[in-house]
Amino acid sequence: MSTSLALIWAQTTTGVIGGEGDIPWHIPGEQRRFKEFTLGGTVIMGRKTWESFPARIRPMPGRDNIVVTRNAAYDAPGALVVGSVEQALAAADPAKQLWCIGGGEIYAQMIGLADRLEVTEVDIDAPGDAFAPPIGDDWRQASVDPESGWHESPEGLRYRYVSYLR
């Protein structure tokens, strides 16, 4: 396994990360931040997350893509398909940064193995059916951007970036 496994997600104030295969908000620049972090690494995701991406960005360019699914016959062109988180970790290039990019079930399985979390906190309460894993006491907040409070999107949506280390 790589020396580092990081999880990256955006969540509402109630921990919602998605609903019906979509993200219930749009923050300009957040996709750019995601790309900056994950480019050149390996992204590990569940089948539902894979399917939530537009076909034009599957597989995610500039990254090794690994899809975890219980369906042994599942086809994800351009990605490696594996049956478990353990198989994903074993198959990943140990020289590359590993990024778990969702969804909720995969985050829950991988948070105990990770050493870094990159979380965008979105100051809204939106309904959803996928949730971030709880961040336990074994994590320490390493940074908050901005330190003084919140960024504000052109639409007035407040958000901030929080990094955690273990």
C-alpha atoms as a PDB file:
ATOM      1  CA  MET A   1       0.000   0.000   0.000  1.00  0.00           C
ATOM      2  CA  SER A   2       1.055   3.574  -0.585  1.00  0.00           C
ATOM      3  CA  THR A   3       2.506   5.496   2.298  1.00  0.00           C
ATOM      4  CA  SER A   4      -0.580   7.711   2.331  1.00  0.00           C
ATOM      5  CA  LEU A   5      -4.304   7.220   1.936  1.00  0.00           C
ATOM      6  CA  ALA A   6      -6.416  10.366   1.926  1.00  0.00           C
ATOM      7  CA  LEU A   7     -10.164  10.821   1.743  1.00  0.00           C
ATOM      8  CA  ILE A   8     -11.629  13.877   0.049  1.00  0.00           C
ATOM      9  CA  TRP A   9     -15.253  15.020   0.152  1.00  0.00           C
ATOM     10  CA  ALA A  10     -17.631  17.954   0.527  1.00  0.00           C
ATOM     11  CA  GLN A  11     -20.453  17.826   3.050  1.00  0.00           C
ATOM     12  CA  THR A  12     -23.351  19.869   4.378  1.00  0.00           C
ATOM     13  CA  THR A  13     -23.737  20.872   8.019  1.00  0.00           C
ATOM     14  CA  THR A  14     -25.565  17.571   8.577  1.00  0.00           C
ATOM     15  CA  GLY A  15     -22.957  15.413   6.813  1.00  0.00           C
ATOM     16  CA  VAL A  16     -24.812  14.969   3.515  1.00  0.00           C
ATOM     17  CA  ILE A  17     -22.410  14.315   0.618  1.00  0.00           C
ATOM     18  CA  GLY A  18     -24.987  13.584  -2.065  1.00  0.00           C
ATOM     19  CA  GLY A  19     -28.514  12.782  -3.014  1.00  0.00           C
ATOM     20  CA  GLU A  20     -29.919  10.640  -5.816  1.00  0.00           C
ATOM     21  CA  GLY A  21     -26.499  10.361  -7.469  1.00  0.00           C
ATOM     22  CA  ASP A  22     -25.828  14.096  -7.464  1.00  0.00           C
ATOM     23  CA  ILE A  23     -24.278  16.787  -5.274  1.00  0.00           C
ATOM     24  CA  PRO A  24     -26.930  19.204  -3.957  1.00  0.00           C
ATOM     25  CA  TRP A  25     -24.786  22.345  -4.347  1.00  0.00           C
ATOM     26  CA  HIS A  26     -22.302  23.962  -6.709  1.00  0.00           C
ATOM     27  CA  ILE A  27     -19.219  25.814  -5.524  1.00  0.00           C
ATOM     28  CA  PRO A  28     -17.086  27.382  -8.262  1.00  0.00           C
ATOM     29  CA  GLY A  29     -13.491  26.318  -7.807  1.00  0.00           C
ATOM     30  CA  GLU A  30     -14.171  23.222  -5.736  1.00  0.00           C
ATOM     31  CA  GLN A  31     -13.723  20.908  -8.715  1.00  0.00           C
ATOM     32  CA  ARG A  32     -10.418  22.664  -9.437  1.00  0.00           C
ATOM     33  CA  ARG A  33      -9.297  22.019  -5.846  1.00  0.00           C
ATOM     34  CA  PHE A  34     -10.317  18.362  -6.151  1.00  0.00           C
ATOM     35  CA  LYS A  35      -8.327  18.061  -9.388  1.00  0.00           C
ATOM     36  CA  GLU A  36      -5.237  19.722  -7.871  1.00  0.00           C
ATOM     37  CA  PHE A  37      -5.251  17.246  -5.009  1.00  0.00           C
ATOM     38  CA  THR A  38      -5.963  14.073  -6.974  1.00  0.00           C
ATOM     39  CA  LEU A  39      -4.143  14.637 -10.275  1.00  0.00           C
ATOM     40  CA  GLY A  40      -1.299  12.156 -10.709  1.00  0.00           C
ATOM     41  CA  GLY A  41      -2.607   9.881  -7.983  1.00  0.00           C
ATOM     42  CA  THR A  42      -4.973   6.946  -7.738  1.00  0.00           C
ATOM     43  CA  VAL A  43      -8.678   7.554  -7.128  1.00  0.00           C
ATOM     44  CA  ILE A  44     -10.675   4.788  -5.481  1.00  0.00           C
ATOM     45  CA  MET A  45     -14.450   4.974  -5.666  1.00  0.00           C
ATOM     46  CA  GLY A  46     -17.574   2.903  -5.453  1.00  0.00           C
ATOM     47  CA  ARG A  47     -19.705   1.988  -8.435  1.00  0.00           C
ATOM     48  CA  LYS A  48     -22.353   4.631  -7.684  1.00  0.00           C
ATOM     49  CA  THR A  49     -19.715   7.364  -7.579  1.00  0.00           C
ATOM     50  CA  TRP A  50     -18.264   6.139 -10.892  1.00  0.00           C
ATOM     51  CA  GLU A  51     -21.727   6.226 -12.450  1.00  0.00           C
ATOM     52  CA  SER A  52     -22.419   9.719 -11.072  1.00  0.00           C
ATOM     53  CA  PHE A  53     -19.628  11.222 -13.210  1.00  0.00           C
ATOM     54  CA  PRO A  54     -20.427  12.363 -16.747  1.00  0.00           C
ATOM     55  CA  ALA A  55     -19.233   9.818 -19.333  1.00  0.00           C
ATOM     56  CA  ARG A  56     -16.804  12.400 -20.745  1.00  0.00           C
ATOM     57  CA  ILE A  57     -14.711  12.306 -17.539  1.00  0.00           C
ATOM     58  CA  ARG A  58     -14.820   8.551 -16.972  1.00  0.00           C
ATOM     59  CA  PRO A  59     -12.157   7.518 -16.306  1.00  0.00           C
ATOM     60  CA  MET A  60     -10.950  10.641 -14.517  1.00  0.00           C
ATOM     61  CA  PRO A  61      -8.021  11.854 -16.640  1.00  0.00           C
ATOM     62  CA  GLY A  62      -4.508  12.005 -15.209  1.00  0.00           C
ATOM     63  CA  ARG A  63      -5.308   9.519 -12.446  1.00  0.00           C
ATOM     64  CA  ASP A  64      -5.426   5.768 -12.027  1.00  0.00           C
ATOM     65  CA  ASN A  65      -9.103   4.900 -11.492  1.00  0.00           C
ATOM     66  CA  ILE A  66     -10.211   1.983  -9.325  1.00  0.00           C
ATOM     67  CA  VAL A  67     -13.898   1.099  -8.926  1.00  0.00           C
ATOM     68  CA  VAL A  68     -15.032  -1.069  -6.018  1.00  0.00           C
ATOM     69  CA  THR A  69     -18.198  -3.112  -6.590  1.00  0.00           C
ATOM     70  CA  ARG A  70     -19.690  -6.412  -5.470  1.00  0.00           C
ATOM     71  CA  ASN A  71     -20.669  -7.089  -9.104  1.00  0.00           C
ATOM     72  CA  ALA A  72     -17.806  -9.197 -10.503  1.00  0.00           C
ATOM     73  CA  ALA A  73     -19.105  -8.680 -14.064  1.00  0.00           C
ATOM     74  CA  TYR A  74     -19.228  -4.883 -13.799  1.00  0.00           C
ATOM     75  CA  ASP A  75     -17.495  -3.042 -16.648  1.00  0.00           C
ATOM     76  CA  ALA A  76     -15.945   0.380 -16.045  1.00  0.00           C
ATOM     77  CA  PRO A  77     -13.971   1.147 -19.224  1.00  0.00           C
ATOM     78  CA  GLY A  78     -10.626   2.734 -18.396  1.00  0.00           C
ATOM     79  CA  ALA A  79     -10.791   1.779 -14.729  1.00  0.00           C
ATOM     80  CA  LEU A  80      -9.696  -1.255 -12.773  1.00  0.00           C
ATOM     81  CA  VAL A  81     -12.713  -3.001 -11.230  1.00  0.00           C
ATOM     82  CA  VAL A  82     -12.201  -4.812  -7.918  1.00  0.00           C
ATOM     83  CA  GLY A  83     -14.481  -6.514  -5.422  1.00  0.00           C
ATOM     84  CA  SER A  84     -13.317  -4.929  -2.163  1.00  0.00           C
ATOM     85  CA  VAL A  85     -11.472  -2.031  -0.573  1.00  0.00           C
ATOM     86  CA  GLU A  86      -8.674  -4.450   0.320  1.00  0.00           C
ATOM     87  CA  GLN A  87      -8.312  -5.460  -3.334  1.00  0.00           C
ATOM     88  CA  ALA A  88      -8.268  -1.787  -4.357  1.00  0.00           C
ATOM     89  CA  LEU A  89      -5.452  -1.017  -1.916  1.00  0.00           C
ATOM     90  CA  ALA A  90      -3.477  -4.090  -3.010  1.00  0.00           C
ATOM     91  CA  ALA A  91      -3.846  -3.174  -6.702  1.00  0.00           C
ATOM     92  CA  ALA A  92      -2.882   0.498  -6.337  1.00  0.00           C
ATOM     93  CA  ASP A  93       0.557   1.723  -7.405  1.00  0.00           C
ATOM     94  CA  PRO A  94       2.451   2.195  -4.107  1.00  0.00           C
ATOM     95  CA  ALA A  95       4.366   5.125  -5.596  1.00  0.00           C
ATOM     96  CA  LYS A  96       1.190   7.188  -6.068  1.00  0.00           C
ATOM     97  CA  GLN A  97      -0.943   9.090  -3.574  1.00  0.00           C
ATOM     98  CA  LEU A  98      -4.186   7.224  -2.909  1.00  0.00           C
ATOM     99  CA  TRP A  99      -7.436   9.191  -2.798  1.00  0.00           C
ATOM    100  CA  CYS A 100     -10.766   7.750  -1.724  1.00  0.00           C
ATOM    101  CA  ILE A 101     -13.389   9.865  -3.506  1.00  0.00           C
ATOM    102  CA  GLY A 102     -16.600   8.192  -2.363  1.00  0.00           C
ATOM    103  CA  GLY A 103     -19.267   7.397  -1.885  1.00  0.00           C
ATOM    104  CA  GLY A 104     -20.570   7.000   1.600  1.00  0.00           C
ATOM    105  CA  GLU A 105     -20.091   3.230   1.872  1.00  0.00           C
ATOM    106  CA  ILE A 106     -16.498   3.373   0.599  1.00  0.00           C
ATOM    107  CA  TYR A 107     -15.646   6.311   2.889  1.00  0.00           C
ATOM    108  CA  ALA A 108     -16.978   4.356   5.873  1.00  0.00           C
ATOM    109  CA  GLN A 109     -14.795   1.369   4.957  1.00  0.00           C
ATOM    110  CA  MET A 110     -11.649   3.432   4.335  1.00  0.00           C
ATOM    111  CA  ILE A 111     -11.633   6.152   7.010  1.00  0.00           C
ATOM    112  CA  GLY A 112     -10.035   3.781   9.521  1.00  0.00           C
ATOM    113  CA  LEU A 113      -7.141   3.185   7.092  1.00  0.00           C
ATOM    114  CA  ALA A 114      -6.546   6.821   6.124  1.00  0.00           C
ATOM    115  CA  ASP A 115      -4.029   9.304   7.479  1.00  0.00           C
ATOM    116  CA  ARG A 116      -5.475  12.463   5.914  1.00  0.00           C
ATOM    117  CA  LEU A 117      -8.896  14.000   5.249  1.00  0.00           C
ATOM    118  CA  GLU A 118      -9.641  16.953   2.961  1.00  0.00           C
ATOM    119  CA  VAL A 119     -13.161  18.158   3.721  1.00  0.00           C
ATOM    120  CA  THR A 120     -15.129  21.018   2.220  1.00  0.00           C
ATOM    121  CA  GLU A 121     -17.748  22.101   4.742  1.00  0.00           C
ATOM    122  CA  VAL A 122     -20.747  23.658   3.012  1.00  0.00           C
ATOM    123  CA  ASP A 123     -22.917  25.822   5.255  1.00  0.00           C
ATOM    124  CA  ILE A 124     -26.293  24.475   4.133  1.00  0.00           C
ATOM    125  CA  ASP A 125     -28.740  21.864   5.308  1.00  0.00           C
ATOM    126  CA  ALA A 126     -29.731  19.941   2.176  1.00  0.00           C
ATOM    127  CA  PRO A 127     -31.512  16.602   1.940  1.00  0.00           C
ATOM    128  CA  GLY A 128     -29.567  13.601   0.728  1.00  0.00           C
ATOM    129  CA  ASP A 129     -29.101   9.868   0.843  1.00  0.00           C
ATOM    130  CA  ALA A 130     -25.300   9.615   1.088  1.00  0.00           C
ATOM    131  CA  PHE A 131     -23.370  10.735   4.149  1.00  0.00           C
ATOM    132  CA  ALA A 132     -19.785  11.444   5.173  1.00  0.00           C
ATOM    133  CA  PRO A 133     -18.281   9.168   7.790  1.00  0.00           C
ATOM    134  CA  PRO A 134     -17.976  10.558  11.316  1.00  0.00           C
ATOM    135  CA  ILE A 135     -14.600  12.176  11.997  1.00  0.00           C
ATOM    136  CA  GLY A 136     -13.514  10.635  15.294  1.00  0.00           C
ATOM    137  CA  ASP A 137     -11.358  11.931  18.123  1.00  0.00           C
ATOM    138  CA  ASP A 138      -8.281  10.266  16.606  1.00  0.00           C
ATOM    139  CA  TRP A 139      -8.221  13.021  13.939  1.00  0.00           C
ATOM    140  CA  ARG A 140      -6.741  16.466  14.544  1.00  0.00           C
ATOM    141  CA  GLN A 141      -7.698  19.515  12.589  1.00  0.00           C
ATOM    142  CA  ALA A 142      -4.540  20.579  10.730  1.00  0.00           C
ATOM    143  CA  SER A 143      -5.856  23.667   8.913  1.00  0.00           C
ATOM    144  CA  VAL A 144      -8.959  25.655   8.032  1.00  0.00           C
ATOM    145  CA  ASP A 145      -9.224  27.924   4.999  1.00  0.00           C
ATOM    146  CA  PRO A 146     -10.066  30.670   5.577  1.00  0.00           C
ATOM    147  CA  GLU A 147      -8.927  30.842   9.184  1.00  0.00           C
ATOM    148  CA  SER A 148     -11.199  33.826   9.788  1.00  0.00           C
ATOM    149  CA  GLY A 149     -14.456  32.108   8.891  1.00  0.00           C
ATOM    150  CA  TRP A 150     -15.977  31.222   5.534  1.00  0.00           C
ATOM    151  CA  HIS A 151     -15.533  31.719   1.814  1.00  0.00           C
ATOM    152  CA  GLU A 152     -18.643  32.885  -0.011  1.00  0.00           C
ATOM    153  CA  SER A 153     -19.604  31.759  -3.500  1.00  0.00           C
ATOM    154  CA  PRO A 154     -21.043  34.253  -6.016  1.00  0.00           C
ATOM    155  CA  GLU A 155     -24.468  32.771  -5.170  1.00  0.00           C
ATOM    156  CA  GLY A 156     -23.943  33.492  -1.448  1.00  0.00           C
ATOM    157  CA  LEU A 157     -23.197  29.913  -0.394  1.00  0.00           C
ATOM    158  CA  ARG A 158     -20.744  29.787   2.516  1.00  0.00           C
ATOM    159  CA  TYR A 159     -18.035  27.112   2.603  1.00  0.00           C
ATOM    160  CA  ARG A 160     -14.597  26.379   4.025  1.00  0.00           C
ATOM    161  CA  TYR A 161     -11.837  23.846   3.532  1.00  0.00           C
ATOM    162  CA  VAL A 162     -10.763  21.787   6.539  1.00  0.00           C
ATOM    163  CA  SER A 163      -7.775  19.410   6.594  1.00  0.00           C
ATOM    164  CA  TYR A 164      -7.419  16.667   9.182  1.00  0.00           C
ATOM    165  CA  LEU A 165      -4.422  14.466   9.971  1.00  0.00           C
ATOM    166  CA  ARG A 166      -3.950  11.340  12.012  1.00  0.00           C
END
